Amino acid sequence: MTLAAKNLTLSYGRPQRALPAPAAVLTGADVKVERGQALVLQGPNGSGKSTLMKALARKLRPAAGEVTLDGKDIWQMGVQSFAQKIAYVPQTLTAPPFMTVFELVALGRSPHQRTFQLSLNENDRALIDQSLRRCGVEGLRDKLVSQLSGGERQRTVIAMALTQGPDYLLLDEPTASLDFRYQIELIDLLGQLKEDGLGIALILHDLNIAAQLADTVALIGGDSDAGLGPSRIIAQGPVEEVFARETLQRVFAVDIEILKGVGKDVYLPTRLK
């Protein structure tokens, strides 16, 4: 089973007859996410990483190209069927302040309900409890979501996504608001989920965190920040190939030192180019 994007062109807004088509944000993008593998999207701010993730998550319809799940166009799937296969964790998720952790995580079972009213059976509750444990928030089940720390909230939202029972988990900058400890906990969790056969695609800014988790990296860049055209995938493949010093310096416009040592390389941005 594969989630794949082929020759995507992505833009925002719909063209009007009297107006030119919206400018493309990202063009010619080919990526794929395999079960038991992690794809990391990397690139400067504004390069189109979140736009590509939204296309994979069926939140943005491509201007050209297609996204497929097992060879089927995801826009030909029903919303509920898609949500049973793909779970998406955006950068921010607004929850009612009176909602408890258990109630938020339970919403993950919505795609498996026959009606709009959430009715939990024994299997649903077992999956909710399992997700709470896996994400380390079982002790917070009765706490209000509004009272959670940033790390607790992020793990709770991921628990909700896991409760969907998906084959793929898509995350937009999941470590952005987390301190070092929570970052390590989250990467360890995602590594375990990958070993369990879940396909994972995520956006990360930290090169060193990406190197720990990624099986494949898609490095996105271009001239979009300067308003000169859409971004594209500059390089794609294993970390050691994509994170070449010259490539990173060109895409991020900074000098980068790569420290060789035992285990993974360490990537250290030093100064602006």
Protein backbone atom coordinates (compact mmCIF):
# COMPACT_ATOMS: atom_id res chain seq x y z
CA MET A 1 0.00 0.00 0.00
CA THR A 2 1.41 3.37 -1.05
CA LEU A 3 0.35 7.00 -0.73
CA ALA A 4 1.85 8.78 -3.71
CA ALA A 5 1.85 12.17 -5.38
CA LYS A 6 2.70 12.38 -9.08
CA ASN A 7 3.68 15.52 -10.98
CA LEU A 8 1.73 17.80 -8.63
CA THR A 9 1.20 21.47 -9.28
CA LEU A 10 -0.33 23.19 -6.27
CA SER A 11 -1.83 26.67 -5.89
CA TYR A 12 -4.41 28.46 -3.76
CA GLY A 13 -7.64 29.94 -5.05
CA ARG A 14 -9.69 29.07 -8.10
CA PRO A 15 -9.13 30.77 -11.45
CA GLN A 16 -11.87 33.14 -12.64
CA ARG A 17 -12.77 33.66 -16.26
CA ALA A 18 -11.72 37.32 -16.23
CA LEU A 19 -8.58 36.69 -14.18
CA PRO A 20 -5.40 34.70 -14.78
CA ALA A 21 -4.95 31.37 -13.02
CA PRO A 22 -3.50 31.58 -9.49
CA ALA A 23 0.27 31.38 -9.37
CA ALA A 24 1.61 27.94 -8.51
CA VAL A 25 3.21 27.46 -5.08
CA LEU A 26 4.83 24.13 -5.91
CA THR A 27 5.24 22.38 -9.23
CA GLY A 28 6.35 19.00 -10.59
CA ALA A 29 6.27 17.28 -7.19
CA ASP A 30 6.63 13.48 -6.98
CA VAL A 31 6.70 11.85 -3.53
CA LYS A 32 5.52 8.61 -2.00
CA VAL A 33 4.93 7.28 1.50
CA GLU A 34 5.27 3.54 2.13
CA ARG A 35 3.92 1.56 5.07
CA GLY A 36 6.62 1.17 7.71
CA GLN A 37 8.61 4.11 6.30
CA ALA A 38 8.97 7.80 7.18
CA LEU A 39 9.09 10.59 4.59
CA VAL A 40 10.35 13.95 5.90
CA LEU A 41 9.61 17.17 4.00
CA GLN A 42 12.38 19.71 4.50
CA GLY A 43 12.99 23.20 3.16
CA PRO A 44 12.98 26.91 4.02
CA ASN A 45 9.91 28.73 5.33
CA GLY A 46 7.47 29.46 2.54
CA SER A 47 8.84 26.79 0.22
CA GLY A 48 5.56 24.84 0.03
CA LYS A 49 6.03 22.05 2.57
CA SER A 50 2.66 22.59 4.27
CA THR A 51 1.01 23.01 0.88
CA LEU A 52 2.30 19.62 -0.24
CA MET A 53 1.23 18.04 3.06
CA LYS A 54 -2.29 19.46 2.62
CA ALA A 55 -2.45 17.88 -0.83
CA LEU A 56 -1.45 14.48 0.60
CA ALA A 57 -4.07 14.94 3.33
CA ARG A 58 -6.84 15.78 0.83
CA LYS A 59 -7.14 19.31 2.17
CA LEU A 60 -6.04 20.93 -1.10
CA ARG A 61 -7.02 19.74 -4.56
CA PRO A 62 -4.09 19.79 -7.04
CA ALA A 63 -4.13 22.23 -9.93
CA ALA A 64 -2.42 19.46 -11.92
CA GLY A 65 -1.20 15.95 -11.22
CA GLU A 66 -2.73 13.54 -8.73
CA VAL A 67 -2.42 11.98 -5.29
CA THR A 68 -3.23 8.29 -5.12
CA LEU A 69 -3.69 5.67 -2.43
CA ASP A 70 -2.97 2.21 -3.76
CA GLY A 71 -3.26 3.61 -7.27
CA LYS A 72 -6.68 5.23 -6.69
CA ASP A 73 -7.11 9.00 -6.87
CA ILE A 74 -7.85 10.12 -3.31
CA TRP A 75 -10.41 12.63 -4.62
CA GLN A 76 -12.41 9.67 -5.97
CA MET A 77 -12.65 8.21 -2.46
CA GLY A 78 -15.41 9.02 -0.01
CA VAL A 79 -14.44 11.38 2.81
CA GLN A 80 -15.12 8.73 5.45
CA SER A 81 -13.21 6.01 3.59
CA PHE A 82 -10.22 8.32 3.19
CA ALA A 83 -10.28 9.27 6.90
CA GLN A 84 -10.20 5.59 7.87
CA LYS A 85 -6.87 5.26 6.02
CA ILE A 86 -5.17 8.65 6.47
CA ALA A 87 -4.87 10.68 9.68
CA TYR A 88 -3.68 14.28 9.45
CA VAL A 89 -2.26 16.35 12.33
CA PRO A 90 -2.11 20.06 11.36
CA GLN A 91 0.18 22.66 12.92
CA THR A 92 -2.63 23.85 15.19
CA LEU A 93 -5.90 22.23 16.18
CA THR A 94 -8.61 24.21 17.95
CA ALA A 95 -10.64 22.25 20.49
CA PRO A 96 -13.53 23.50 22.67
CA PRO A 97 -12.10 24.61 26.04
CA PHE A 98 -14.52 22.40 27.97
CA MET A 99 -13.46 19.20 26.16
CA THR A 100 -11.45 16.60 28.06
CA VAL A 101 -8.48 14.67 26.73
CA PHE A 102 -10.57 11.50 26.53
CA GLU A 103 -13.33 13.27 24.59
CA LEU A 104 -10.87 14.75 22.09
CA VAL A 105 -9.09 11.45 21.52
CA ALA A 106 -12.45 9.71 21.15
CA LEU A 107 -13.23 11.93 18.15
CA GLY A 108 -10.72 9.83 16.27
CA ARG A 109 -13.36 7.13 16.00
CA SER A 110 -15.69 9.45 14.04
CA PRO A 111 -14.75 8.05 10.59
CA HIS A 112 -15.86 4.61 11.78
CA GLN A 113 -19.28 5.75 12.98
CA ARG A 114 -22.44 5.25 10.94
CA THR A 115 -24.11 8.40 12.24
CA PHE A 116 -22.95 11.90 13.17
CA GLN A 117 -23.49 11.07 16.84
CA LEU A 118 -20.43 9.46 18.42
CA SER A 119 -21.42 6.14 19.97
CA LEU A 120 -18.50 4.20 21.40
CA ASN A 121 -18.53 0.43 21.61
CA GLU A 122 -16.11 -1.84 23.48
CA ASN A 123 -13.68 -1.95 20.55
CA ASP A 124 -13.70 1.85 20.22
CA ARG A 125 -12.91 2.30 23.91
CA ALA A 126 -10.10 -0.25 23.72
CA LEU A 127 -8.52 1.64 20.81
CA ILE A 128 -8.88 4.96 22.66
CA ASP A 129 -7.21 3.50 25.76
CA GLN A 130 -4.42 2.04 23.63
CA SER A 131 -3.77 5.40 21.94
CA LEU A 132 -3.75 7.23 25.28
CA ARG A 133 -1.15 4.77 26.59
CA ARG A 134 1.02 4.83 23.47
CA CYS A 135 1.20 8.62 23.56
CA GLY A 136 1.78 8.75 27.31
CA VAL A 137 -1.35 10.74 28.15
CA GLU A 138 -3.46 8.07 29.86
CA GLY A 139 -3.03 9.93 33.15
CA LEU A 140 -4.53 13.06 31.57
CA ARG A 141 -7.74 11.50 30.26
CA ASP A 142 -10.02 13.62 32.49
CA LYS A 143 -8.03 16.84 32.17
CA LEU A 144 -9.38 19.70 30.06
CA VAL A 145 -7.56 20.19 26.78
CA SER A 146 -7.30 23.92 27.58
CA GLN A 147 -5.19 23.05 30.65
CA LEU A 148 -2.56 21.04 28.77
CA SER A 149 1.02 22.10 28.14
CA GLY A 150 2.25 22.30 24.56
CA GLY A 151 3.85 18.87 24.70
CA GLU A 152 0.82 17.27 26.35
CA ARG A 153 -1.48 18.82 23.77
CA GLN A 154 0.64 17.60 20.86
CA ARG A 155 0.68 14.03 22.19
CA THR A 156 -3.07 14.20 22.76
CA VAL A 157 -3.72 15.27 19.17
CA ILE A 158 -1.51 12.45 17.91
CA ALA A 159 -3.44 10.03 20.15
CA MET A 160 -6.65 11.23 18.47
CA ALA A 161 -5.09 10.59 15.05
CA LEU A 162 -3.99 7.08 16.07
CA THR A 163 -7.49 6.32 17.31
CA GLN A 164 -8.63 6.59 13.70
CA GLY A 165 -6.74 3.33 13.13
CA PRO A 166 -5.01 4.76 10.04
CA ASP A 167 -2.48 3.23 7.68
CA TYR A 168 -0.76 6.60 7.28
CA LEU A 169 -0.05 9.45 9.67
CA LEU A 170 0.65 12.93 8.25
CA LEU A 171 2.06 15.58 10.59
CA ASP A 172 2.75 19.25 9.90
CA GLU A 173 5.66 20.46 12.07
CA PRO A 174 4.83 18.27 15.11
CA THR A 175 7.96 19.34 17.05
CA ALA A 176 7.58 23.10 16.48
CA SER A 177 6.44 24.06 20.00
CA LEU A 178 8.19 21.31 21.95
CA ASP A 179 11.26 21.43 24.17
CA PHE A 180 14.13 18.96 23.74
CA ARG A 181 12.65 16.28 25.98
CA TYR A 182 9.26 16.29 24.27
CA GLN A 183 10.95 16.31 20.85
CA ILE A 184 12.87 13.16 21.77
CA GLU A 185 9.74 11.51 23.18
CA LEU A 186 7.81 12.31 20.01
CA ILE A 187 10.50 11.04 17.64
CA ASP A 188 10.79 7.85 19.71
CA LEU A 189 7.01 7.40 19.46
CA LEU A 190 7.00 7.93 15.69
CA GLY A 191 9.88 5.47 15.36
CA GLN A 192 7.83 2.85 17.21
CA LEU A 193 4.78 3.53 15.03
CA LYS A 194 6.94 3.15 11.93
CA GLU A 195 8.20 -0.22 13.19
CA ASP A 196 4.57 -1.25 13.69
CA GLY A 197 3.95 -0.69 9.97
CA LEU A 198 2.46 2.81 9.95
CA GLY A 199 3.44 5.02 7.03
CA ILE A 200 4.51 8.46 8.24
CA ALA A 201 5.00 11.77 6.43
CA LEU A 202 6.00 14.83 8.42
CA ILE A 203 7.44 18.30 8.12
CA LEU A 204 10.52 19.03 10.22
CA HIS A 205 12.81 22.07 10.35
CA ASP A 206 15.59 20.52 12.42
CA LEU A 207 18.01 18.66 10.15
CA ASN A 208 19.30 16.52 13.01
CA ILE A 209 15.83 15.37 14.10
CA ALA A 210 14.98 14.59 10.48
CA ALA A 211 18.16 12.50 10.15
CA GLN A 212 17.10 10.38 13.13
CA LEU A 213 13.71 9.39 11.72
CA ALA A 214 13.66 9.73 7.93
CA ASP A 215 13.91 6.85 5.52
CA THR A 216 13.44 9.35 2.70
CA VAL A 217 13.83 13.14 2.63
CA ALA A 218 12.22 15.45 0.07
CA LEU A 219 14.09 18.76 0.08
CA ILE A 220 11.89 21.58 -1.25
CA GLY A 221 13.18 24.92 -2.44
CA GLY A 222 13.25 27.42 -5.27
CA ASP A 223 12.62 31.08 -5.94
CA SER A 224 9.11 31.37 -4.48
CA ASP A 225 10.31 33.45 -1.52
CA ALA A 226 11.55 36.08 -3.94
CA GLY A 227 8.33 35.94 -5.92
CA LEU A 228 10.12 34.64 -9.00
CA GLY A 229 8.33 31.36 -9.42
CA PRO A 230 7.08 28.18 -7.75
CA SER A 231 9.13 25.88 -5.57
CA ARG A 232 10.08 22.35 -6.55
CA ILE A 233 11.66 19.29 -5.01
CA ILE A 234 15.40 19.95 -5.23
CA ALA A 235 16.54 16.53 -4.03
CA GLN A 236 14.90 13.36 -2.75
CA GLY A 237 16.28 10.16 -1.31
CA PRO A 238 18.13 8.84 1.75
CA VAL A 239 19.41 11.36 4.31
CA GLU A 240 23.08 10.86 3.48
CA GLU A 241 22.41 11.70 -0.18
CA VAL A 242 19.99 14.61 0.20
CA PHE A 243 21.78 16.31 3.10
CA ALA A 244 24.94 16.95 1.11
CA ARG A 245 26.65 20.13 2.33
CA GLU A 246 26.52 21.94 -1.02
CA THR A 247 22.84 21.14 -1.49
CA LEU A 248 21.85 22.31 2.00
CA GLN A 249 23.85 25.52 1.64
CA ARG A 250 22.20 26.31 -1.68
CA VAL A 251 18.64 25.64 -0.50
CA PHE A 252 18.86 27.33 2.91
CA ALA A 253 21.35 30.07 1.92
CA VAL A 254 23.54 29.44 4.97
CA ASP A 255 26.93 27.90 5.59
CA ILE A 256 26.55 24.45 7.14
CA GLU A 257 29.14 22.28 8.81
CA ILE A 258 28.63 18.51 8.92
CA LEU A 259 30.32 16.96 11.93
CA LYS A 260 31.30 13.34 11.43
CA GLY A 261 31.24 11.06 14.43
CA VAL A 262 29.87 7.85 15.83
CA GLY A 263 26.36 7.16 14.55
CA LYS A 264 24.48 9.94 12.73
CA ASP A 265 26.16 13.02 11.29
CA VAL A 266 25.49 16.33 13.04
CA TYR A 267 24.35 19.28 10.91
CA LEU A 268 25.39 22.69 12.22
CA PRO A 269 24.33 25.92 10.43
CA THR A 270 27.03 28.52 11.10
CA ARG A 271 26.34 31.80 9.28
CA LEU A 272 24.37 33.39 6.45
CA LYS A 273 25.79 33.10 2.96
